[in-house]
Amino acid sequence: MALQHVIKDVVDKFGVEVIRDSRLVNILDDMRAFTDAPAAKSVLKEILRLGFGEKLYTMYETKEPSWELKINSYAYTIVNQHGFREDITSQLLDAISWAIKPEMSADGSTQATQEKQTPNTPADNSRKVSNDISKPTVSTNLSTKATEAELKSCITDEYGAKYSQDGLKLFSGPKDLYKSYEVKDGTIVICDHAFAECRSLTSIEIPSSVTTICDFAFWECTSLTSITLPSGVTSIGDFAFCDCKLLSSIVIPSSVTSIGNSAFMSCRALSSIVIPNSVTSIGMGAFGGCVCKLTCNSPHFKVHDNALYTADMRTIISCATSKNSFVIPSGVTSIGDSAFWGCESLISIVIPSGVTSIGEAAFSGCYSLTSVTLPEGVTSIGNWAFSRCKSLTNIEIPSSITRIGDRPFGGCKSLKAIYIPAGSYYKFEMMLPFNYKIRLEEKGTSSHGSPHKGLLRKIFGLFEG
């Protein structure tokens, strides 16, 4: 594609390091590569802001094998969590990876190898998978999603579960899968959404061959009570076990290195989770809505007061508290995305003066939270930060705020007033979305806004309460 060659030309001229920072956007601007594509420019900025360019560069340097798995994970984050277009996101990530190493395709195989491959012959879907796939044809594409060609040639077992022809990937299990299921020996990847919404599934046996449990793999398996992850599993994807409400126990093996965003969100029956020392990456809100005991053996993270932090205690990643009140320790500068998501018992929160950012959905679903005071120094409030805080009646916002995301108070049915510093009405009037039920009130004054101010808010506001 043209975009690949444009970015490759930039890399050839400025060096591969250019994809590691924001210079890439500026250079492409100068080349007018994005003159007619503002959406592409926005996506590229987001890719670089999230550090995905840096990570792809590191993968190239370290010869990481799971190239496509990572690209799909990055694309999911950008599209589903940040709201950007899927087609543009995929093209840009492809272009960047191709520019780093032109002979490398998205799935980690070389172009020369791909040219030599012959298409799979479609198989009869009635063919059964044996319990032991002893000599599979090795797949060069262990992506997390099934392609159209793979689905046409897939093998369906006696329960209706679909596997790749070589048996290395499990694409999907039928929604009416009942009680228990045994994944076939030889399976390596349990793909995106493989068992999502299998609400009658109570237990599953995973063979030792599995290394990757992908995004949403067991999402909303609401009857699943237990699962044993084999010692070969290295990654647990985003939302992998989200909403497994009856899941009471799970052991994360010492082979796991990464746990995705919201991986165990809303697993309210879990009594404890132990993070092994092998884990180097944990996504935001990984244990949101859980009320279990957290134990961390990894040197990359710390647990304090049953909340997970980065090792330096500067970012709170996920809180699994059932307490009515919580004090964020001093030294924390960032409250991560979904950090307190679903802490339904939380009534009050103390945020220290060093905090500068409140992440997306950071306090979403804190149904009992009644009031919040943000300290001076906080500069940004993320999208949906306090959404669905049904008991929240007021919140104080400091003058240091420079950015407020979309629908920060969506679904806050009890919220009547947002208190702002004196003399800052017009600043926050333009920044906050409009809601006729919520008034902006300057502290130390009796002004609640004049009619012409209310009109201005209606003109510029797009709030949904």
Protein backbone atom coordinates (compact mmCIF):
# COMPACT_ATOMS: atom_id res chain seq x y z
CA MET A 1 0.00 0.00 0.00
CA ALA A 2 1.11 3.58 -0.56
CA LEU A 3 1.17 4.36 3.15
CA GLN A 4 3.68 1.59 3.77
CA HIS A 5 6.08 3.03 1.21
CA VAL A 6 5.65 6.59 2.53
CA ILE A 7 6.56 5.57 6.07
CA LYS A 8 9.34 3.30 4.78
CA ASP A 9 10.84 6.27 2.89
CA VAL A 10 10.81 8.31 6.11
CA VAL A 11 12.47 5.46 8.03
CA ASP A 12 15.14 5.08 5.33
CA LYS A 13 15.91 8.80 5.49
CA PHE A 14 15.74 9.46 9.22
CA GLY A 15 16.50 6.03 10.69
CA VAL A 16 14.21 3.42 12.23
CA GLU A 17 14.26 5.30 15.57
CA VAL A 18 11.91 7.89 14.05
CA ILE A 19 8.91 5.63 14.72
CA ARG A 20 9.63 5.80 18.44
CA ASP A 21 8.44 9.36 18.96
CA SER A 22 6.19 12.15 17.67
CA ARG A 23 8.65 13.24 14.98
CA LEU A 24 7.01 10.80 12.60
CA VAL A 25 3.78 12.82 12.60
CA ASN A 26 5.64 16.09 12.02
CA ILE A 27 7.69 14.65 9.17
CA LEU A 28 4.64 13.20 7.46
CA ASP A 29 2.93 16.57 7.88
CA ASP A 30 5.84 18.25 6.11
CA MET A 31 5.55 15.69 3.30
CA ARG A 32 1.80 16.41 3.17
CA ALA A 33 1.20 12.69 3.52
CA PHE A 34 -1.77 13.35 5.77
CA THR A 35 -3.15 16.47 4.11
CA ASP A 36 -6.40 14.74 3.17
CA ALA A 37 -6.48 12.26 6.02
CA PRO A 38 -6.99 13.97 9.40
CA ALA A 39 -8.35 10.71 10.83
CA ALA A 40 -5.12 8.89 9.97
CA LYS A 41 -3.12 11.65 11.61
CA SER A 42 -5.17 11.32 14.81
CA VAL A 43 -4.69 7.54 14.87
CA LEU A 44 -0.95 7.85 14.29
CA LYS A 45 -0.66 10.35 17.16
CA GLU A 46 -2.50 7.90 19.40
CA ILE A 47 -0.24 5.00 18.34
CA LEU A 48 2.82 7.06 19.26
CA ARG A 49 1.26 8.48 22.44
CA LEU A 50 0.55 4.96 23.72
CA GLY A 51 4.14 3.94 22.93
CA PHE A 52 3.20 1.29 20.39
CA GLY A 53 5.82 2.51 17.91
CA GLU A 54 8.45 2.07 20.61
CA LYS A 55 7.14 -1.41 21.42
CA LEU A 56 7.14 -2.55 17.79
CA TYR A 57 10.70 -1.28 17.44
CA THR A 58 11.70 -3.25 20.56
CA MET A 59 9.99 -6.37 19.18
CA TYR A 60 12.10 -6.02 16.03
CA GLU A 61 15.31 -5.61 18.05
CA THR A 62 14.58 -8.59 20.29
CA LYS A 63 13.21 -10.71 17.42
CA GLU A 64 9.93 -11.30 19.27
CA PRO A 65 8.01 -14.11 17.52
CA SER A 66 4.43 -13.10 18.36
CA TRP A 67 4.39 -10.12 15.99
CA GLU A 68 0.78 -10.35 14.86
CA LEU A 69 -0.58 -11.15 18.32
CA LYS A 70 0.88 -7.88 19.57
CA ILE A 71 -0.33 -5.85 16.58
CA ASN A 72 -3.87 -7.19 17.04
CA SER A 73 -3.70 -6.33 20.74
CA TYR A 74 -2.55 -2.77 19.96
CA ALA A 75 -5.25 -2.38 17.31
CA TYR A 76 -7.91 -3.57 19.76
CA THR A 77 -6.78 -1.03 22.37
CA ILE A 78 -6.85 1.86 19.90
CA VAL A 79 -10.16 0.92 18.26
CA ASN A 80 -12.24 -0.33 21.19
CA GLN A 81 -10.84 1.67 24.07
CA HIS A 82 -9.96 4.90 22.31
CA GLY A 83 -12.64 4.96 19.61
CA PHE A 84 -10.59 5.20 16.41
CA ARG A 85 -11.40 3.63 13.04
CA GLU A 86 -10.37 0.01 12.65
CA ASP A 87 -9.34 0.17 8.98
CA ILE A 88 -7.03 3.16 9.46
CA THR A 89 -5.56 1.72 12.67
CA SER A 90 -4.73 -1.61 11.00
CA GLN A 91 -3.17 0.09 7.97
CA LEU A 92 -0.96 2.31 10.11
CA LEU A 93 0.23 -0.48 12.40
CA ASP A 94 0.94 -2.62 9.33
CA ALA A 95 2.80 0.25 7.68
CA ILE A 96 4.95 0.90 10.74
CA SER A 97 5.84 -2.76 11.21
CA TRP A 98 6.63 -3.12 7.49
CA ALA A 99 8.79 0.03 7.60
CA ILE A 100 10.78 -1.37 10.54
CA LYS A 101 11.42 -4.64 8.77
CA PRO A 102 10.06 -4.71 5.19
CA GLU A 103 10.47 -8.46 4.77
CA MET A 104 8.38 -9.06 7.90
CA SER A 105 4.65 -9.53 7.45
CA ALA A 106 2.17 -8.90 10.24
CA ASP A 107 2.17 -12.54 11.28
CA GLY A 108 5.94 -12.73 11.69
CA SER A 109 6.64 -14.75 8.52
CA THR A 110 8.69 -13.40 5.64
CA GLN A 111 7.20 -12.35 2.35
CA ALA A 112 9.30 -14.94 0.56
CA THR A 113 7.88 -17.67 2.78
CA GLN A 114 4.36 -16.44 2.16
CA GLU A 115 4.79 -16.52 -1.60
CA LYS A 116 5.77 -20.18 -1.43
CA GLN A 117 2.75 -21.19 0.60
CA THR A 118 -0.20 -22.75 -1.16
CA PRO A 119 -3.75 -22.06 -0.03
CA ASN A 120 -5.35 -24.61 2.24
CA THR A 121 -7.82 -26.90 0.58
CA PRO A 122 -11.29 -26.38 2.05
CA ALA A 123 -12.23 -29.25 4.32
CA ASP A 124 -15.57 -30.88 4.97
CA ASN A 125 -16.96 -29.19 8.10
CA SER A 126 -18.37 -32.49 9.27
CA ARG A 127 -14.87 -33.83 9.82
CA LYS A 128 -14.09 -34.41 13.50
CA VAL A 129 -10.99 -33.40 15.41
CA SER A 130 -9.38 -36.28 17.27
CA ASN A 131 -8.45 -35.80 20.92
CA ASP A 132 -4.78 -36.06 19.99
CA ILE A 133 -3.44 -34.04 17.07
CA SER A 134 -0.04 -35.67 17.13
CA LYS A 135 1.60 -34.29 13.98
CA PRO A 136 0.00 -30.98 13.00
CA THR A 137 1.08 -29.07 9.97
CA VAL A 138 2.86 -26.12 11.54
CA SER A 139 0.96 -22.88 10.95
CA THR A 140 2.87 -19.71 10.06
CA ASN A 141 -0.07 -17.59 11.19
CA LEU A 142 -0.99 -17.85 14.85
CA SER A 143 -3.13 -14.73 14.80
CA THR A 144 -5.79 -14.18 17.42
CA LYS A 145 -8.59 -13.96 14.88
CA ALA A 146 -9.79 -16.42 12.28
CA THR A 147 -9.57 -15.26 8.68
CA GLU A 148 -12.38 -15.95 6.23
CA ALA A 149 -10.22 -18.55 4.50
CA GLU A 150 -9.48 -20.28 7.81
CA LEU A 151 -13.15 -20.45 8.73
CA LYS A 152 -13.99 -21.99 5.34
CA SER A 153 -11.42 -24.72 5.87
CA CYS A 154 -11.85 -25.17 9.62
CA ILE A 155 -12.51 -28.46 11.35
CA THR A 156 -15.59 -28.80 13.54
CA ASP A 157 -15.53 -31.29 16.39
CA GLU A 158 -18.40 -33.33 17.78
CA TYR A 159 -19.44 -30.51 20.10
CA GLY A 160 -19.49 -27.84 17.40
CA ALA A 161 -16.17 -26.20 18.34
CA LYS A 162 -14.17 -24.94 15.37
CA TYR A 163 -10.41 -25.45 14.96
CA SER A 164 -7.87 -24.48 12.33
CA GLN A 165 -6.98 -27.23 9.89
CA ASP A 166 -3.66 -27.85 11.59
CA GLY A 167 -5.36 -27.95 15.00
CA LEU A 168 -3.16 -25.22 16.45
CA LYS A 169 -5.91 -22.62 16.87
CA LEU A 170 -9.31 -22.92 18.52
CA PHE A 171 -11.57 -20.41 16.79
CA SER A 172 -14.85 -20.79 18.65
CA GLY A 173 -17.05 -22.93 20.82
CA PRO A 174 -20.83 -23.00 20.25
CA LYS A 175 -22.86 -20.67 22.48
CA ASP A 176 -24.99 -23.60 23.69
CA LEU A 177 -21.96 -25.53 24.90
CA TYR A 178 -23.23 -27.26 28.04
CA LYS A 179 -21.42 -27.91 31.34
CA SER A 180 -17.86 -29.07 30.52
CA TYR A 181 -15.54 -29.06 27.53
CA GLU A 182 -12.03 -30.38 26.88
CA VAL A 183 -9.87 -28.37 24.48
CA LYS A 184 -8.08 -30.66 22.03
CA ASP A 185 -4.45 -31.61 22.65
CA GLY A 186 -2.06 -29.70 20.40
CA THR A 187 -4.03 -26.43 20.50
CA ILE A 188 -1.71 -23.46 20.99
CA VAL A 189 -3.98 -20.43 20.69
CA ILE A 190 -7.49 -19.98 22.10
CA CYS A 191 -8.60 -17.17 19.79
CA ASP A 192 -10.49 -13.93 20.41
CA HIS A 193 -14.07 -14.52 21.63
CA ALA A 194 -13.59 -18.30 21.39
CA PHE A 195 -15.96 -19.10 24.28
CA ALA A 196 -17.48 -15.65 24.75
CA GLU A 197 -21.07 -15.80 26.05
CA CYS A 198 -21.01 -19.58 26.50
CA ARG A 199 -23.25 -19.05 29.49
CA SER A 200 -23.93 -22.73 30.23
CA LEU A 201 -20.25 -23.71 30.34
CA THR A 202 -19.32 -24.64 33.93
CA SER A 203 -15.81 -26.05 33.52
CA ILE A 204 -13.16 -26.37 30.84
CA GLU A 205 -9.96 -28.37 30.56
CA ILE A 206 -7.07 -26.71 28.75
CA PRO A 207 -4.16 -28.87 27.52
CA SER A 208 -0.51 -28.14 28.27
CA SER A 209 0.08 -27.16 24.63
CA VAL A 210 -1.85 -23.86 24.98
CA THR A 211 0.33 -20.77 25.28
CA THR A 212 -2.05 -17.93 24.48
CA ILE A 213 -5.49 -17.08 25.80
CA CYS A 214 -6.68 -14.22 23.63
CA ASP A 215 -8.97 -11.22 24.09
CA PHE A 216 -12.51 -11.97 25.32
CA ALA A 217 -11.74 -15.71 25.16
CA PHE A 218 -14.05 -16.55 28.09
CA TRP A 219 -15.94 -13.27 28.36
CA GLU A 220 -19.36 -13.64 29.99
CA CYS A 221 -19.03 -17.34 30.72
CA THR A 222 -21.37 -16.62 33.59
CA SER A 223 -21.63 -20.26 34.78
CA LEU A 224 -17.91 -21.01 34.69
CA THR A 225 -16.84 -21.87 38.25
CA SER A 226 -13.26 -23.07 37.87
CA ILE A 227 -10.49 -23.29 35.32
CA THR A 228 -6.92 -24.57 35.42
CA LEU A 229 -4.40 -22.76 33.26
CA PRO A 230 -1.53 -25.00 32.12
CA SER A 231 2.07 -24.14 32.88
CA GLY A 232 2.81 -23.21 29.26
CA VAL A 233 0.42 -20.22 29.08
CA THR A 234 2.37 -17.00 28.59
CA SER A 235 -0.33 -14.40 27.99
CA ILE A 236 -3.88 -13.70 29.13
CA GLY A 237 -5.65 -11.28 26.80
CA ASP A 238 -7.80 -8.20 27.36
CA PHE A 239 -11.17 -9.04 28.97
CA ALA A 240 -10.23 -12.74 28.76
CA PHE A 241 -12.28 -13.73 31.84
CA CYS A 242 -14.34 -10.56 32.21
CA ASP A 243 -17.81 -11.12 33.69
CA CYS A 244 -17.15 -14.72 34.74
CA LYS A 245 -19.27 -13.98 37.78
CA LEU A 246 -19.15 -17.47 39.31
CA LEU A 247 -15.45 -18.10 38.79
CA SER A 248 -14.28 -18.80 42.35
CA SER A 249 -10.68 -19.83 41.81
CA ILE A 250 -7.93 -19.55 39.25
CA VAL A 251 -4.19 -20.10 39.47
CA ILE A 252 -2.04 -17.97 37.22
CA PRO A 253 0.95 -20.15 36.29
CA SER A 254 4.54 -18.92 36.61
CA SER A 255 4.90 -19.02 32.82
CA VAL A 256 2.55 -16.04 32.35
CA THR A 257 4.29 -12.78 31.45
CA SER A 258 1.35 -10.56 30.53
CA ILE A 259 -2.20 -10.01 31.82
CA GLY A 260 -4.40 -7.83 29.62
CA ASN A 261 -6.67 -4.88 30.30
CA SER A 262 -9.72 -5.84 32.39
CA ALA A 263 -8.69 -9.50 32.15
CA PHE A 264 -10.56 -10.50 35.33
CA MET A 265 -12.98 -7.60 35.56
CA SER A 266 -16.22 -8.40 37.43
CA CYS A 267 -15.05 -11.83 38.59
CA ARG A 268 -16.79 -11.15 41.89
CA ALA A 269 -16.68 -14.73 43.19
CA LEU A 270 -12.89 -14.88 43.20
CA SER A 271 -11.52 -15.04 46.72
CA SER A 272 -7.85 -14.51 45.87
CA ILE A 273 -5.43 -13.93 43.02
CA VAL A 274 -1.67 -14.47 43.15
CA ILE A 275 0.40 -12.68 40.52
CA PRO A 276 3.54 -14.77 39.86
CA ASN A 277 7.04 -13.30 39.61
CA SER A 278 7.12 -13.99 35.86
CA VAL A 279 4.54 -11.28 35.08
CA THR A 280 6.03 -8.14 33.56
CA SER A 281 2.91 -6.51 32.10
CA ILE A 282 -0.55 -5.97 33.59
CA GLY A 283 -3.25 -3.99 31.80
CA MET A 284 -5.34 -1.28 33.39
CA GLY A 285 -8.34 -2.40 35.44
CA ALA A 286 -7.21 -6.02 35.26
CA PHE A 287 -9.05 -6.84 38.51
CA GLY A 288 -11.75 -4.16 38.39
CA GLY A 289 -14.92 -5.07 40.23
CA CYS A 290 -13.22 -7.92 42.11
CA VAL A 291 -13.31 -8.07 45.90
CA CYS A 292 -10.60 -10.71 46.29
CA LYS A 293 -7.29 -10.71 48.11
CA LEU A 294 -4.45 -9.63 45.81
CA THR A 295 -0.95 -11.04 46.28
CA CYS A 296 1.91 -10.00 44.02
CA ASN A 297 5.22 -11.82 43.69
CA SER A 298 6.35 -9.88 40.64
CA PRO A 299 9.08 -7.25 41.17
CA HIS A 300 7.42 -5.10 38.51
CA PHE A 301 4.35 -4.34 40.65
CA LYS A 302 3.32 -3.78 44.25
CA VAL A 303 0.16 -4.44 46.21
CA HIS A 304 -0.81 -1.98 48.93
CA ASP A 305 -4.11 -2.05 50.78
CA ASN A 306 -5.37 -4.63 48.25
CA ALA A 307 -4.72 -2.36 45.28
CA LEU A 308 -2.18 -3.00 42.53
CA TYR A 309 0.43 -0.34 41.69
CA THR A 310 3.43 -0.02 39.44
CA ALA A 311 6.66 -0.91 41.24
CA ASP A 312 7.47 2.76 41.88
CA MET A 313 4.00 3.29 43.42
CA ARG A 314 3.33 6.19 41.06
CA THR A 315 0.38 4.66 39.17
CA ILE A 316 -2.53 2.75 40.63
CA ILE A 317 -3.52 0.02 38.17
CA SER A 318 -6.43 -1.81 39.76
CA CYS A 319 -8.18 -1.86 43.12
CA ALA A 320 -10.01 -4.92 44.45
CA THR A 321 -11.32 -3.41 47.66
CA SER A 322 -14.61 -3.99 49.40
CA LYS A 323 -13.99 -1.10 51.81
CA ASN A 324 -16.26 1.90 52.25
CA SER A 325 -13.33 4.31 52.15
CA PHE A 326 -9.95 4.33 50.47
CA VAL A 327 -6.90 6.55 50.85
CA ILE A 328 -4.59 6.70 47.83
CA PRO A 329 -1.05 6.91 49.23
CA SER A 330 1.08 9.99 48.70
CA GLY A 331 3.53 9.64 45.84
CA VAL A 332 0.90 8.39 43.41
CA THR A 333 0.70 10.67 40.36
CA SER A 334 -1.71 8.78 38.12
CA ILE A 335 -4.99 6.94 38.67
CA GLY A 336 -5.07 4.49 35.78
CA ASP A 337 -7.90 3.59 33.43
CA SER A 338 -10.61 1.60 35.27
CA ALA A 339 -8.50 1.61 38.45
CA PHE A 340 -11.53 1.70 40.77
CA TRP A 341 -14.04 0.39 38.25
CA GLY A 342 -16.94 -1.39 39.95
CA CYS A 343 -15.86 -0.70 43.56
CA GLU A 344 -19.52 -0.70 44.52
CA SER A 345 -18.99 -0.34 48.30
CA LEU A 346 -16.71 2.68 48.03
CA ILE A 347 -18.34 5.74 49.65
CA SER A 348 -15.37 8.09 49.96
CA ILE A 349 -11.95 8.43 48.34
CA VAL A 350 -8.97 10.55 49.38
CA ILE A 351 -6.85 11.65 46.43
CA PRO A 352 -3.39 13.04 47.35
CA SER A 353 -2.05 16.35 46.06
CA GLY A 354 0.53 14.71 43.79
CA VAL A 355 -2.03 13.15 41.45
CA THR A 356 -2.08 14.80 38.02
CA SER A 357 -4.33 12.54 35.94
CA ILE A 358 -7.57 10.58 36.36
CA GLY A 359 -7.82 7.81 33.77
CA GLU A 360 -10.70 6.65 31.60
CA ALA A 361 -13.53 5.05 33.60
CA ALA A 362 -11.29 5.33 36.68
CA PHE A 363 -14.26 5.42 39.08
CA SER A 364 -16.97 4.13 36.76
CA GLY A 365 -19.60 2.07 38.54
CA CYS A 366 -18.66 3.22 42.06
CA TYR A 367 -22.35 3.23 42.91
CA SER A 368 -21.94 4.29 46.56
CA LEU A 369 -19.46 7.12 46.04
CA THR A 370 -21.09 10.33 47.32
CA SER A 371 -18.58 13.14 46.88
CA VAL A 372 -15.13 13.71 45.40
CA THR A 373 -12.59 16.50 45.81
CA LEU A 374 -9.88 16.63 43.17
CA PRO A 375 -6.72 18.30 44.50
CA GLU A 376 -4.95 21.21 42.87
CA GLY A 377 -2.47 19.75 40.41
CA VAL A 378 -4.83 17.40 38.61
CA THR A 379 -4.68 18.38 34.93
CA SER A 380 -6.82 15.79 33.15
CA ILE A 381 -10.01 13.80 33.70
CA GLY A 382 -10.48 10.90 31.29
CA ASN A 383 -13.51 9.77 29.35
CA TRP A 384 -16.29 8.35 31.55
CA ALA A 385 -14.07 8.87 34.62
CA PHE A 386 -17.00 9.04 37.09
CA SER A 387 -19.73 7.54 34.92
CA ARG A 388 -22.49 5.55 36.65
CA CYS A 389 -21.57 6.91 40.09
CA LYS A 390 -25.25 6.94 40.96
CA SER A 391 -24.85 8.35 44.50
CA LEU A 392 -22.42 11.13 43.59
CA THR A 393 -24.02 14.44 44.59
CA ASN A 394 -21.14 16.89 44.14
CA ILE A 395 -17.56 17.10 42.97
CA GLU A 396 -14.89 19.79 43.33
CA ILE A 397 -12.65 20.51 40.35
CA PRO A 398 -9.40 22.51 40.69
CA SER A 399 -8.22 25.35 38.45
CA SER A 400 -5.28 23.21 37.26
CA ILE A 401 -7.58 21.12 35.05
CA THR A 402 -6.79 21.55 31.34
CA ARG A 403 -8.59 18.57 29.82
CA ILE A 404 -11.89 16.83 30.52
CA GLY A 405 -12.85 13.82 28.42
CA ASP A 406 -16.18 12.68 27.01
CA ARG A 407 -19.12 12.05 29.35
CA PRO A 408 -17.10 12.15 32.57
CA PHE A 409 -20.32 12.17 34.65
CA GLY A 410 -22.60 10.08 32.42
CA GLY A 411 -25.25 8.29 34.45
CA CYS A 412 -24.52 10.28 37.64
CA LYS A 413 -28.22 10.62 38.41
CA SER A 414 -27.75 12.32 41.80
CA LEU A 415 -25.14 14.86 40.75
CA LYS A 416 -26.48 18.38 41.27
CA ALA A 417 -23.41 20.62 41.33
CA ILE A 418 -19.86 20.77 40.06
CA TYR A 419 -17.85 23.14 42.23
CA ILE A 420 -15.18 25.15 40.43
CA PRO A 421 -12.76 27.90 41.54
CA ALA A 422 -14.04 31.49 41.64
CA GLY A 423 -13.64 33.29 38.34
CA SER A 424 -13.32 30.10 36.25
CA TYR A 425 -16.91 29.75 35.08
CA TYR A 426 -16.25 30.45 31.40
CA LYS A 427 -13.21 28.16 31.33
CA PHE A 428 -15.18 25.17 32.60
CA GLU A 429 -18.34 26.12 30.73
CA MET A 430 -16.46 25.51 27.47
CA MET A 431 -14.70 22.39 28.81
CA LEU A 432 -17.57 20.54 30.45
CA PRO A 433 -20.41 18.96 28.46
CA PHE A 434 -23.83 20.46 29.01
CA ASN A 435 -26.44 19.02 31.34
CA TYR A 436 -29.36 21.18 32.41
CA LYS A 437 -29.70 19.20 35.67
CA ILE A 438 -26.17 19.97 36.84
CA ARG A 439 -25.08 23.48 37.74
CA LEU A 440 -21.58 24.89 37.71
CA GLU A 441 -21.02 26.67 40.98
CA GLU A 442 -18.05 28.90 41.70
CA LYS A 443 -16.73 28.35 45.21
CA GLY A 444 -16.98 31.42 47.44
CA THR A 445 -19.69 33.05 45.33
CA SER A 446 -23.45 32.77 45.06
CA SER A 447 -23.37 32.76 41.26
CA HIS A 448 -24.97 29.75 39.63
CA GLY A 449 -24.81 31.11 36.13
CA SER A 450 -26.89 33.72 34.32
CA PRO A 451 -29.37 33.00 31.49
CA HIS A 452 -26.88 33.92 28.77
CA LYS A 453 -24.36 31.51 30.27
CA GLY A 454 -26.94 28.71 30.25
CA LEU A 455 -27.63 29.38 26.57
CA LEU A 456 -23.94 29.17 25.79
CA ARG A 457 -23.76 25.80 27.52
CA LYS A 458 -26.68 24.53 25.42
CA ILE A 459 -24.98 25.67 22.23
CA PHE A 460 -21.66 24.02 22.99
CA GLY A 461 -22.75 21.06 25.11
CA LEU A 462 -23.34 17.46 24.09
CA PHE A 463 -23.82 15.86 27.52
CA GLU A 464 -25.85 12.74 28.18
CA GLY A 465 -26.74 12.35 31.81
